[in-house]
Amino acid sequence: MTTYSAVRTTGIYCRPGCGAKPLAENIRTFELAAAAEAAGYRACLRCRPYRVAGTVGDDAPELVCRAVQLIISSVLDDANEAALGARLGVSARHLRRMFNDHLGVTPDQFARSRRAHFARRLLDDSDLSIAEVAFASGFGSLRQFNRAMQEVFRSTPRELRERRRRGDRLTADGGLVLRMPFTAPYDWDATIDFLAERAIPGVESVESGMYRRTIALDGAPGMLEIGPGGTDHLQLRAHLPYWEGVIHVVERAARLAGIDSDPILALGQLAADAALGPLITSRPGVRVPGAWGPFEVAVHAVISQELCGPDARSGLGRLARSYGTPIAGLGHGLTHAFPSAETLANVLANGYGLPDRLGKAVGALARAVVAR
């Protein structure tokens, strides 16, 4: 896990490896940047902690981890702590106490810090307007955005945009280009090989070290391109129908690439295993890739129970071509978005282009998802 060092005498917190050399007796450590900010510290201008991957430790209770995942998936964008607590079956007061005890922040402070850090990266990386950055980062209004940036970074969004370094801006001939930070080492070649073996025809494509896929946001089509960017980040190019809520698109892309969690603790534990230890030593950057959406991976799992490898991919491709949203002009073999549960729930068992038993299983899964 990344540990942040805060200096009492300056009121500044830094990420590991910063060139600043404060006296040891003046340092406080925090596991979350949000906790340092809640304690009154501001981000270092030299090492820029908001540009590194930060995660919640595995030692937090399950309730806190579940709450964190709900916050990441946007629950607090349009609701309050009471609504979040209700989702988890606890009071807002109990939830705040658990967060303070284990993370050093309240749920609202954690959510605000995430949005502010993502917005700061957008101000650096992109040429989106201030208003577009605000809504892309999950803020409900410009007033809320300006207040949060002042509280977290002690500057207005316009001042932060003017402060970006020459090498920060990512230029593009189309789409929005963003950095996706990860904790090194990271083996992109192994990840993309894994994704290529399971790519759904028409929905996903892997060419020359670049992963591409179609997505749908509220029914409107888009495309993501993920490739290597640097020693500490991947590069994402997003072609989307709108920029509102881009923070959640980037989170899902990070989960798909397997960079949404800090691997250090897991690798330390697995390295002691007699069978896995030598493998981890030889491939230290290997991660566990995720998936774009839970319904898509669930359908993949159902079909893969009876159809192997290429046959499973072919079956998934037929589903996409028959019932997914058509998307023209993308190239790279991308033609459709993966169909939604609502769409597949209304298909007859023999209409999936699959063996009858698989068609019934896919239909039952889709109807269960719609009914939940």
Protein backbone atom coordinates (compact mmCIF):
# COMPACT_ATOMS: atom_id res chain seq x y z
CA MET A 1 0.00 0.00 0.00
CA THR A 2 1.11 3.59 -0.69
CA THR A 3 1.90 5.43 2.54
CA TYR A 4 1.79 9.23 2.49
CA SER A 5 4.11 11.31 4.68
CA ALA A 6 2.78 14.58 6.09
CA VAL A 7 5.04 17.23 7.60
CA ARG A 8 3.65 19.03 10.65
CA THR A 9 5.80 22.14 10.20
CA THR A 10 4.82 22.80 6.59
CA GLY A 11 1.29 21.38 6.41
CA ILE A 12 2.20 19.41 3.26
CA TYR A 13 1.88 15.69 2.53
CA CYS A 14 4.00 13.74 0.02
CA ARG A 15 4.01 10.40 -1.75
CA PRO A 16 6.89 7.92 -1.30
CA GLY A 17 10.06 8.91 -3.09
CA CYS A 18 9.55 12.67 -2.86
CA GLY A 19 12.81 14.60 -2.77
CA ALA A 20 11.80 16.61 0.30
CA LYS A 21 13.83 15.68 3.42
CA PRO A 22 11.92 16.76 6.57
CA LEU A 23 13.04 15.82 10.07
CA ALA A 24 11.67 12.45 11.17
CA GLU A 25 10.10 13.87 14.32
CA ASN A 26 7.94 16.21 12.20
CA ILE A 27 6.42 13.44 10.04
CA ARG A 28 2.97 11.87 10.32
CA THR A 29 2.02 8.97 8.06
CA PHE A 30 -1.35 8.29 6.44
CA GLU A 31 -2.52 5.32 4.38
CA LEU A 32 -4.87 7.50 2.33
CA ALA A 33 -4.33 10.88 0.71
CA ALA A 34 -7.89 11.70 1.75
CA ALA A 35 -6.97 11.10 5.41
CA ALA A 36 -4.04 13.51 5.15
CA GLU A 37 -6.35 16.11 3.60
CA ALA A 38 -8.98 15.58 6.30
CA ALA A 39 -6.26 16.23 8.88
CA GLY A 40 -5.54 19.60 7.26
CA TYR A 41 -2.57 18.83 5.00
CA ARG A 42 -2.32 19.82 1.33
CA ALA A 43 -0.67 17.95 -1.55
CA CYS A 44 3.00 18.56 -2.31
CA LEU A 45 3.58 20.59 -5.48
CA ARG A 46 6.80 18.70 -6.21
CA CYS A 47 5.74 15.03 -6.08
CA ARG A 48 2.00 15.61 -6.79
CA PRO A 49 0.45 12.70 -4.81
CA TYR A 50 -2.79 12.90 -6.81
CA ARG A 51 -0.97 11.40 -9.81
CA VAL A 52 -0.24 8.01 -8.20
CA ALA A 53 -2.50 5.03 -7.67
CA GLY A 54 -3.91 4.94 -4.14
CA THR A 55 -5.97 2.10 -2.68
CA VAL A 56 -7.65 1.10 0.57
CA GLY A 57 -5.79 -1.53 2.56
CA ASP A 58 -6.96 -5.12 2.82
CA ASP A 59 -7.05 -4.92 6.62
CA ALA A 60 -10.18 -2.73 6.63
CA PRO A 61 -13.42 -4.46 7.77
CA GLU A 62 -15.72 -5.89 5.12
CA LEU A 63 -18.35 -3.22 5.79
CA VAL A 64 -15.84 -0.45 5.05
CA CYS A 65 -14.56 -2.22 1.92
CA ARG A 66 -18.11 -2.65 0.63
CA ALA A 67 -18.85 1.01 1.31
CA VAL A 68 -15.69 2.05 -0.52
CA GLN A 69 -16.70 0.00 -3.58
CA LEU A 70 -20.16 1.60 -3.55
CA ILE A 71 -18.59 5.06 -3.37
CA ILE A 72 -16.28 4.21 -6.29
CA SER A 73 -19.32 3.06 -8.26
CA SER A 74 -20.92 6.53 -7.77
CA VAL A 75 -23.42 5.97 -4.92
CA LEU A 76 -22.50 9.28 -3.25
CA ASP A 77 -22.66 11.29 -6.48
CA ASP A 78 -26.41 11.73 -6.06
CA ALA A 79 -27.03 10.57 -2.47
CA ASN A 80 -25.81 11.19 1.08
CA GLU A 81 -24.17 9.14 3.82
CA ALA A 82 -27.55 8.11 5.21
CA ALA A 83 -28.49 6.54 1.85
CA LEU A 84 -25.13 4.78 1.70
CA GLY A 85 -25.62 3.44 5.22
CA ALA A 86 -29.11 2.23 4.32
CA ARG A 87 -27.65 0.25 1.40
CA LEU A 88 -25.37 -1.48 3.91
CA GLY A 89 -27.94 -1.87 6.71
CA VAL A 90 -26.26 0.54 9.18
CA SER A 91 -26.84 4.10 10.32
CA ALA A 92 -24.90 7.02 8.85
CA ARG A 93 -23.40 7.67 12.29
CA HIS A 94 -22.09 4.10 12.59
CA LEU A 95 -20.71 4.22 9.04
CA ARG A 96 -18.86 7.49 9.73
CA ARG A 97 -17.41 6.03 12.91
CA MET A 98 -16.17 2.92 11.07
CA PHE A 99 -14.59 5.06 8.34
CA ASN A 100 -12.90 7.36 10.85
CA ASP A 101 -11.56 4.43 12.88
CA HIS A 102 -10.14 2.51 9.93
CA LEU A 103 -9.48 5.06 7.17
CA GLY A 104 -9.19 8.38 8.99
CA VAL A 105 -11.92 10.03 6.90
CA THR A 106 -15.70 10.12 6.60
CA PRO A 107 -17.38 8.59 3.52
CA ASP A 108 -18.10 12.08 2.17
CA GLN A 109 -14.46 13.14 2.63
CA PHE A 110 -13.26 9.99 0.86
CA ALA A 111 -15.62 10.59 -2.08
CA ARG A 112 -14.70 14.28 -2.30
CA SER A 113 -10.97 13.51 -2.33
CA ARG A 114 -11.39 10.94 -5.13
CA ARG A 115 -13.33 13.39 -7.28
CA ALA A 116 -10.88 16.22 -6.59
CA HIS A 117 -7.83 14.10 -7.44
CA PHE A 118 -9.41 12.89 -10.67
CA ALA A 119 -10.37 16.47 -11.56
CA ARG A 120 -6.81 17.63 -10.92
CA ARG A 121 -5.52 14.98 -13.35
CA LEU A 122 -8.04 16.14 -15.95
CA LEU A 123 -6.90 19.74 -15.47
CA ASP A 124 -3.33 18.60 -16.12
CA ASP A 125 -3.88 16.05 -18.88
CA SER A 126 -6.73 17.44 -20.95
CA ASP A 127 -8.06 20.63 -22.51
CA LEU A 128 -11.60 20.09 -21.21
CA SER A 129 -13.20 23.29 -19.96
CA ILE A 130 -13.50 23.90 -16.21
CA ALA A 131 -17.22 23.04 -16.34
CA GLU A 132 -16.57 19.85 -18.31
CA VAL A 133 -13.90 18.79 -15.79
CA ALA A 134 -16.34 19.35 -12.92
CA PHE A 135 -19.07 17.13 -14.32
CA ALA A 136 -16.64 14.54 -15.72
CA SER A 137 -15.29 14.13 -12.17
CA GLY A 138 -18.70 13.48 -10.63
CA PHE A 139 -19.41 16.88 -9.06
CA GLY A 140 -23.02 18.00 -9.06
CA SER A 141 -22.36 21.70 -9.63
CA LEU A 142 -19.59 24.20 -10.36
CA ARG A 143 -20.00 25.68 -6.88
CA GLN A 144 -19.45 22.27 -5.28
CA PHE A 145 -16.46 21.67 -7.57
CA ASN A 146 -14.79 25.01 -6.81
CA ARG A 147 -15.31 24.56 -3.07
CA ALA A 148 -13.81 21.05 -3.08
CA MET A 149 -10.74 22.10 -5.09
CA GLN A 150 -10.14 25.00 -2.74
CA GLU A 151 -10.40 22.70 0.28
CA VAL A 152 -8.17 19.95 -1.13
CA PHE A 153 -5.61 21.94 -3.16
CA ARG A 154 -5.94 25.46 -1.70
CA SER A 155 -6.40 26.86 -5.23
CA THR A 156 -9.16 27.44 -7.74
CA PRO A 157 -9.50 25.11 -10.75
CA ARG A 158 -8.35 27.91 -13.05
CA GLU A 159 -5.21 28.47 -10.98
CA LEU A 160 -4.49 24.73 -11.03
CA ARG A 161 -4.92 24.60 -14.83
CA GLU A 162 -2.46 27.48 -15.23
CA ARG A 163 0.01 25.66 -12.98
CA ARG A 164 0.24 22.47 -15.04
CA ARG A 165 3.64 21.52 -16.39
CA ARG A 166 4.58 21.55 -20.06
CA GLY A 167 4.78 17.75 -20.26
CA ASP A 168 1.43 17.15 -18.56
CA ARG A 169 -0.92 17.89 -21.43
CA LEU A 170 -1.78 14.81 -23.49
CA THR A 171 -2.57 15.77 -27.08
CA ALA A 172 -4.92 13.70 -29.21
CA ASP A 173 -6.42 13.81 -32.69
CA GLY A 174 -9.66 12.41 -31.31
CA GLY A 175 -11.18 11.40 -28.00
CA LEU A 176 -10.07 12.26 -24.48
CA VAL A 177 -6.64 10.95 -23.45
CA LEU A 178 -5.97 10.23 -19.77
CA ARG A 179 -3.31 8.59 -17.65
CA MET A 180 -4.34 5.57 -15.55
CA PRO A 181 -1.75 5.29 -12.74
CA PHE A 182 -0.66 1.95 -11.31
CA THR A 183 1.74 0.67 -8.68
CA ALA A 184 4.83 -0.70 -10.46
CA PRO A 185 5.80 -3.26 -11.58
CA TYR A 186 3.03 -4.03 -14.04
CA ASP A 187 3.19 -6.56 -16.90
CA TRP A 188 1.05 -5.08 -19.67
CA ASP A 189 2.12 -7.79 -22.14
CA ALA A 190 0.74 -10.55 -19.89
CA THR A 191 -2.48 -8.60 -19.33
CA ILE A 192 -3.13 -7.96 -22.99
CA ASP A 193 -2.40 -11.61 -23.86
CA PHE A 194 -5.06 -12.60 -21.32
CA LEU A 195 -7.54 -10.11 -22.76
CA ALA A 196 -6.79 -11.22 -26.34
CA GLU A 197 -7.57 -14.86 -25.55
CA ARG A 198 -11.02 -13.88 -24.25
CA ALA A 199 -11.89 -10.97 -26.55
CA ILE A 200 -15.49 -11.02 -27.79
CA PRO A 201 -15.61 -10.62 -31.59
CA GLY A 202 -17.16 -7.31 -32.57
CA VAL A 203 -16.98 -5.99 -28.99
CA GLU A 204 -13.27 -6.24 -28.15
CA SER A 205 -10.08 -6.08 -30.20
CA VAL A 206 -6.36 -6.49 -29.47
CA GLU A 207 -3.88 -5.23 -32.07
CA SER A 208 -0.21 -4.27 -31.76
CA GLY A 209 -0.24 -3.99 -27.98
CA MET A 210 -3.47 -1.95 -27.88
CA TYR A 211 -6.75 -3.12 -26.33
CA ARG A 212 -9.96 -1.63 -27.71
CA ARG A 213 -13.58 -2.22 -26.82
CA THR A 214 -17.04 -0.80 -27.40
CA ILE A 215 -19.16 0.41 -24.50
CA ALA A 216 -22.63 1.86 -24.02
CA LEU A 217 -23.43 4.71 -21.63
CA ASP A 218 -27.17 5.08 -21.03
CA GLY A 219 -27.68 3.38 -24.39
CA ALA A 220 -25.31 5.70 -26.28
CA PRO A 221 -22.28 4.02 -27.88
CA GLY A 222 -18.61 4.75 -27.22
CA MET A 223 -15.16 3.18 -27.51
CA LEU A 224 -12.14 2.84 -25.21
CA GLU A 225 -8.51 2.29 -26.21
CA ILE A 226 -6.00 1.19 -23.56
CA GLY A 227 -2.28 0.87 -24.13
CA PRO A 228 1.10 1.37 -22.46
CA GLY A 229 1.86 4.89 -21.32
CA GLY A 230 4.89 4.93 -19.02
CA THR A 231 6.59 3.23 -16.10
CA ASP A 232 3.79 4.17 -13.72
CA HIS A 233 0.68 4.49 -15.88
CA LEU A 234 -1.35 3.13 -18.78
CA GLN A 235 -2.83 5.51 -21.32
CA LEU A 236 -6.56 5.55 -21.96
CA ARG A 237 -8.19 7.21 -24.97
CA ALA A 238 -11.96 7.49 -24.52
CA HIS A 239 -14.39 8.21 -27.35
CA LEU A 240 -17.64 8.90 -25.50
CA PRO A 241 -21.04 10.45 -26.22
CA TYR A 242 -20.58 12.87 -23.29
CA TRP A 243 -18.00 13.62 -20.57
CA GLU A 244 -20.24 13.61 -17.48
CA GLY A 245 -19.15 10.92 -15.05
CA VAL A 246 -15.94 10.01 -16.90
CA ILE A 247 -14.39 9.26 -13.50
CA HIS A 248 -16.52 6.09 -13.33
CA VAL A 249 -15.56 5.03 -16.87
CA VAL A 250 -11.89 5.32 -15.90
CA GLU A 251 -12.46 3.31 -12.71
CA ARG A 252 -14.07 0.50 -14.71
CA ALA A 253 -11.24 0.58 -17.25
CA ALA A 254 -8.70 0.32 -14.41
CA ARG A 255 -10.58 -2.67 -13.01
CA LEU A 256 -10.55 -4.32 -16.45
CA ALA A 257 -6.78 -3.84 -16.72
CA GLY A 258 -6.19 -5.14 -13.18
CA ILE A 259 -4.70 -1.91 -11.82
CA ASP A 260 -7.51 -0.98 -9.44
CA SER A 261 -5.82 -2.51 -6.38
CA ASP A 262 -2.37 -2.36 -4.82
CA PRO A 263 -0.59 -5.70 -5.40
CA ILE A 264 2.16 -5.35 -2.80
CA LEU A 265 0.36 -7.01 0.12
CA ALA A 266 -0.99 -9.90 -1.99
CA LEU A 267 2.37 -10.50 -3.64
CA GLY A 268 4.10 -10.51 -0.27
CA GLN A 269 1.77 -13.21 1.01
CA LEU A 270 1.80 -15.34 -2.13
CA ALA A 271 5.59 -15.17 -2.47
CA ALA A 272 5.89 -17.39 0.61
CA ASP A 273 3.92 -20.19 -1.08
CA ALA A 274 6.11 -23.07 -2.29
CA ALA A 275 4.29 -23.40 -5.61
CA LEU A 276 3.42 -19.77 -6.37
CA GLY A 277 6.52 -18.09 -4.94
CA PRO A 278 8.89 -18.96 -7.82
CA LEU A 279 6.25 -17.91 -10.38
CA ILE A 280 5.75 -14.55 -8.70
CA THR A 281 9.49 -13.98 -8.53
CA SER A 282 9.85 -14.68 -12.25
CA ARG A 283 6.81 -12.55 -13.24
CA PRO A 284 6.54 -9.80 -10.61
CA GLY A 285 4.26 -7.54 -12.65
CA VAL A 286 1.50 -10.05 -13.41
CA ARG A 287 -1.97 -8.88 -12.29
CA VAL A 288 -5.47 -10.33 -12.35
CA PRO A 289 -7.45 -8.54 -15.08
CA GLY A 290 -11.12 -7.84 -14.47
CA ALA A 291 -14.00 -7.21 -16.84
CA TRP A 292 -15.91 -4.22 -18.14
CA GLY A 293 -19.24 -5.23 -16.61
CA PRO A 294 -20.57 -7.94 -14.28
CA PHE A 295 -23.37 -9.04 -16.62
CA GLU A 296 -21.00 -9.45 -19.56
CA VAL A 297 -18.57 -11.59 -17.55
CA ALA A 298 -21.46 -13.63 -16.11
CA VAL A 299 -22.73 -14.48 -19.61
CA HIS A 300 -19.17 -15.35 -20.60
CA ALA A 301 -18.91 -17.71 -17.61
CA VAL A 302 -22.22 -19.43 -18.43
CA ILE A 303 -21.29 -20.04 -22.05
CA SER A 304 -17.75 -21.17 -21.18
CA GLN A 305 -19.16 -23.98 -19.03
CA GLU A 306 -20.07 -25.90 -22.18
CA LEU A 307 -18.18 -24.23 -25.02
CA CYS A 308 -14.40 -23.98 -24.93
CA GLY A 309 -12.07 -21.20 -26.08
CA PRO A 310 -12.82 -20.13 -29.67
CA ASP A 311 -16.31 -21.70 -29.59
CA ALA A 312 -17.26 -19.68 -26.50
CA ARG A 313 -15.95 -16.49 -28.08
CA SER A 314 -17.84 -17.26 -31.27
CA GLY A 315 -21.07 -17.73 -29.31
CA LEU A 316 -20.56 -14.45 -27.48
CA GLY A 317 -19.86 -12.73 -30.79
CA ARG A 318 -23.15 -14.04 -32.22
CA LEU A 319 -25.01 -12.62 -29.20
CA ALA A 320 -23.36 -9.23 -29.74
CA ARG A 321 -24.11 -9.13 -33.47
CA SER A 322 -27.72 -10.25 -33.00
CA TYR A 323 -28.74 -8.17 -29.99
CA GLY A 324 -26.02 -5.61 -29.20
CA THR A 325 -26.25 -1.95 -30.21
CA PRO A 326 -24.67 -1.53 -33.69
CA ILE A 327 -21.80 0.97 -33.79
CA ALA A 328 -20.59 2.04 -37.24
CA GLY A 329 -17.28 3.47 -38.35
CA LEU A 330 -14.97 2.33 -35.54
CA GLY A 331 -12.74 -0.05 -37.49
CA HIS A 332 -10.50 -2.64 -35.78
CA GLY A 333 -13.31 -5.21 -36.14
CA LEU A 334 -15.50 -3.37 -33.60
CA THR A 335 -19.15 -3.37 -34.67
CA HIS A 336 -21.46 -3.74 -31.64
CA ALA A 337 -21.76 -3.03 -27.93
CA PHE A 338 -22.45 -6.06 -25.74
CA PRO A 339 -26.23 -6.49 -25.25
CA SER A 340 -27.81 -5.50 -21.96
CA ALA A 341 -29.59 -7.83 -19.58
CA GLU A 342 -32.87 -6.08 -20.42
CA THR A 343 -32.41 -6.94 -24.10
CA LEU A 344 -31.45 -10.59 -23.59
CA ALA A 345 -34.20 -11.16 -21.03
CA ASN A 346 -36.78 -10.92 -23.80
CA VAL A 347 -35.14 -13.36 -26.23
CA LEU A 348 -36.59 -16.84 -26.71
CA ALA A 349 -34.33 -19.71 -25.65
CA ASN A 350 -33.78 -20.82 -29.25
CA GLY A 351 -33.05 -17.28 -30.42
CA TYR A 352 -29.59 -16.88 -28.92
CA GLY A 353 -27.77 -18.89 -31.57
CA LEU A 354 -26.61 -21.25 -28.81
CA PRO A 355 -27.43 -24.83 -27.83
CA ASP A 356 -30.89 -24.92 -26.21
CA ARG A 357 -29.61 -25.56 -22.70
CA LEU A 358 -27.17 -22.65 -22.91
CA GLY A 359 -29.85 -20.40 -24.38
CA LYS A 360 -32.15 -21.18 -21.46
CA ALA A 361 -29.33 -20.51 -18.97
CA VAL A 362 -28.46 -17.14 -20.56
CA GLY A 363 -32.13 -16.16 -20.60
CA ALA A 364 -32.59 -17.14 -16.94
CA LEU A 365 -29.49 -15.14 -15.98
CA ALA A 366 -30.69 -12.06 -17.86
CA ARG A 367 -34.15 -12.20 -16.31
CA ALA A 368 -32.66 -12.64 -12.81
CA VAL A 369 -30.47 -9.56 -13.31
CA VAL A 370 -33.41 -7.48 -14.52
CA ALA A 371 -35.59 -8.63 -11.62
CA ARG A 372 -33.07 -7.97 -8.82
